[in-house]
Amino acid sequence: MPDWLVRTIKTFIQAFLGTLIPELCAVLNKGFPENWPAFWAVIAPFVAAALSAGICAAWNITNERLNGKE
């Protein structure tokens, strides 16, 4: 498995857990506004983690190519 992929997966897991914990606290404390869709509490951690992992992947791929480690 390429190094950039391993680092991207780790970033996804870290970002997912980092956003899931506050989301769970908000759900348990009924902290979401009433006009928000109910699925947002489930989708938000995945979206945040995917964005973080995507940025990480792009950065790592760029670094590997610039350093000649294709």
C-alpha atoms as a PDB file:
ATOM      1  CA  MET A   1       0.000   0.000   0.000  1.00  0.00           C
ATOM      2  CA  PRO A   2       1.463   3.403  -0.932  1.00  0.00           C
ATOM      3  CA  ASP A   3       2.616   5.598   1.927  1.00  0.00           C
ATOM      4  CA  TRP A   4       0.281   8.437   0.931  1.00  0.00           C
ATOM      5  CA  LEU A   5      -2.708   6.072   1.140  1.00  0.00           C
ATOM      6  CA  VAL A   6      -1.774   4.855   4.625  1.00  0.00           C
ATOM      7  CA  ARG A   7      -1.419   8.442   5.832  1.00  0.00           C
ATOM      8  CA  THR A   8      -4.745   9.373   4.226  1.00  0.00           C
ATOM      9  CA  ILE A   9      -6.563   6.517   5.949  1.00  0.00           C
ATOM     10  CA  LYS A  10      -5.045   7.530   9.285  1.00  0.00           C
ATOM     11  CA  THR A  11      -6.130  11.117   8.702  1.00  0.00           C
ATOM     12  CA  PHE A  12      -9.667   9.980   7.876  1.00  0.00           C
ATOM     13  CA  ILE A  13      -9.912   7.969  11.101  1.00  0.00           C
ATOM     14  CA  GLN A  14      -8.492  10.787  13.209  1.00  0.00           C
ATOM     15  CA  ALA A  15     -10.764  13.390  11.650  1.00  0.00           C
ATOM     16  CA  PHE A  16     -13.780  11.102  11.896  1.00  0.00           C
ATOM     17  CA  LEU A  17     -13.274  10.479  15.600  1.00  0.00           C
ATOM     18  CA  GLY A  18     -12.456  14.140  16.167  1.00  0.00           C
ATOM     19  CA  THR A  19     -15.782  15.204  14.682  1.00  0.00           C
ATOM     20  CA  LEU A  20     -17.860  12.259  15.865  1.00  0.00           C
ATOM     21  CA  ILE A  21     -17.322  12.941  19.557  1.00  0.00           C
ATOM     22  CA  PRO A  22     -18.659  16.542  19.471  1.00  0.00           C
ATOM     23  CA  GLU A  23     -21.508  15.405  17.207  1.00  0.00           C
ATOM     24  CA  LEU A  24     -22.490  12.734  19.701  1.00  0.00           C
ATOM     25  CA  CYS A  25     -22.422  15.272  22.508  1.00  0.00           C
ATOM     26  CA  ALA A  26     -24.674  17.584  20.511  1.00  0.00           C
ATOM     27  CA  VAL A  27     -27.102  14.776  19.723  1.00  0.00           C
ATOM     28  CA  LEU A  28     -27.227  13.530  23.291  1.00  0.00           C
ATOM     29  CA  ASN A  29     -27.810  17.040  24.607  1.00  0.00           C
ATOM     30  CA  LYS A  30     -30.337  17.887  21.896  1.00  0.00           C
ATOM     31  CA  GLY A  31     -27.993  20.630  20.731  1.00  0.00           C
ATOM     32  CA  PHE A  32     -28.993  20.793  17.064  1.00  0.00           C
ATOM     33  CA  PRO A  33     -31.405  23.485  15.908  1.00  0.00           C
ATOM     34  CA  GLU A  34     -34.893  22.207  15.148  1.00  0.00           C
ATOM     35  CA  ASN A  35     -34.751  23.208  11.492  1.00  0.00           C
ATOM     36  CA  TRP A  36     -31.703  21.010  10.742  1.00  0.00           C
ATOM     37  CA  PRO A  37     -32.376  17.666   9.068  1.00  0.00           C
ATOM     38  CA  ALA A  38     -31.997  14.703  11.414  1.00  0.00           C
ATOM     39  CA  PHE A  39     -29.502  12.926   9.154  1.00  0.00           C
ATOM     40  CA  TRP A  40     -27.016  15.819   9.486  1.00  0.00           C
ATOM     41  CA  ALA A  41     -25.858  14.422  12.830  1.00  0.00           C
ATOM     42  CA  VAL A  42     -24.921  11.192  11.067  1.00  0.00           C
ATOM     43  CA  ILE A  43     -23.528  12.705   7.866  1.00  0.00           C
ATOM     44  CA  ALA A  44     -21.449  15.564   9.333  1.00  0.00           C
ATOM     45  CA  PRO A  45     -18.591  13.426  10.744  1.00  0.00           C
ATOM     46  CA  PHE A  46     -18.240  11.567   7.444  1.00  0.00           C
ATOM     47  CA  VAL A  47     -18.171  14.801   5.443  1.00  0.00           C
ATOM     48  CA  ALA A  48     -15.595  16.417   7.737  1.00  0.00           C
ATOM     49  CA  ALA A  49     -13.405  13.309   7.764  1.00  0.00           C
ATOM     50  CA  ALA A  50     -13.635  12.869   3.998  1.00  0.00           C
ATOM     51  CA  LEU A  51     -12.638  16.485   3.395  1.00  0.00           C
ATOM     52  CA  SER A  52      -9.694  16.154   5.774  1.00  0.00           C
ATOM     53  CA  ALA A  53      -8.568  12.897   4.177  1.00  0.00           C
ATOM     54  CA  GLY A  54      -8.931  14.347   0.683  1.00  0.00           C
ATOM     55  CA  ILE A  55      -6.799  17.341   1.571  1.00  0.00           C
ATOM     56  CA  CYS A  56      -4.265  15.023   3.204  1.00  0.00           C
ATOM     57  CA  ALA A  57      -4.148  12.782   0.129  1.00  0.00           C
ATOM     58  CA  ALA A  58      -3.666  15.701  -2.243  1.00  0.00           C
ATOM     59  CA  TRP A  59      -0.916  17.123  -0.052  1.00  0.00           C
ATOM     60  CA  ASN A  60       0.891  13.794   0.317  1.00  0.00           C
ATOM     61  CA  ILE A  61       0.683  12.960  -3.392  1.00  0.00           C
ATOM     62  CA  THR A  62       2.016  16.407  -4.268  1.00  0.00           C
ATOM     63  CA  ASN A  63       4.875  16.038  -1.783  1.00  0.00           C
ATOM     64  CA  GLU A  64       5.824  12.616  -3.132  1.00  0.00           C
ATOM     65  CA  ARG A  65       5.826  13.848  -6.728  1.00  0.00           C
ATOM     66  CA  LEU A  66       7.809  16.980  -5.903  1.00  0.00           C
ATOM     67  CA  ASN A  67      10.376  14.902  -4.008  1.00  0.00           C
ATOM     68  CA  GLY A  68      10.610  12.368  -6.832  1.00  0.00           C
ATOM     69  CA  LYS A  69       9.274   9.419  -4.824  1.00  0.00           C
ATOM     70  CA  GLU A  70       6.632   8.313  -7.318  1.00  0.00           C
END
